Amino acid sequence: MWEIFTIGYSSHTLQSFCALLNQYGITAVADVRSNPHSKFKPEFNRGHLTVALRKMGIAYVFLGNQCGARPNMPGCYIDGAVDFDILGHRPEFQQGIKRLHEGMAQFRVALMCAEKDPIMCHRMVLVSRHLGRISHVNVRHILGDGRCEEHCEAEARLLKLFDLASEELPGFGRSYEERLDEAYRRQAERIAHHADEDAEETVRVKHA
């Protein structure tokens, strides 16, 4: 079983962020931000971060062009908002997933984006969902307080967010997989980037 981690930096200093990477034995960071720069936390700009990680012996790779949530591809937008289902089937995205999968053979990888909570970020709602479908891949999310959440636990929170956690009437209701699909779809709609936004890293959350 291969493990891959995710982490958000918005609640961390560079020092505390790097300490968590060390704690979990991370040897490579895959940056899935569409824009690898931060006005609010410039220490996490691509150049600065790359140097800091290199000093720790941690590799850095930018995957925002393949696995970012704000693609420069008009066909991924419906009514001005990114459609995660369309994006997830794009060959560019699938190539990014392939690169991550191949990278696990050599590195202990952490996907990095800005959001503190994984269920509020495409690293969980989009990228981790696709990684979780690969046999023998276990996705784990490093939380803001340093604890680690299994991907199935994040999915359980996602179901609860939309009151879909309880099993429906046997034989009449939807299966667990169908309810989970709905939770993913609804959360993707809530956090999707809109073409008229220029917000830096964090997502705009619409009312459920």
Foldseek 3Di string as FASTA:
>chain_A
DFEEEAAAPQLHALVVVVVLCVVVVFQEEEEQALQQADPVHRCRRPVNSQVVSVVVNHHYHYLNQQRHQDHPDVVQDDPQWGQLVVSLPDPSNVVSLVVVVVVSVPTHYYYYAHDQQVLQDCVLLHVVVVNVVDPPYWYWYQHSVRDIHTSVRSLCVLLVVVVNNDDDDPPPDDDPVVSSVVSSRVSCVQFTDGNPDDDPGGGHGDDD
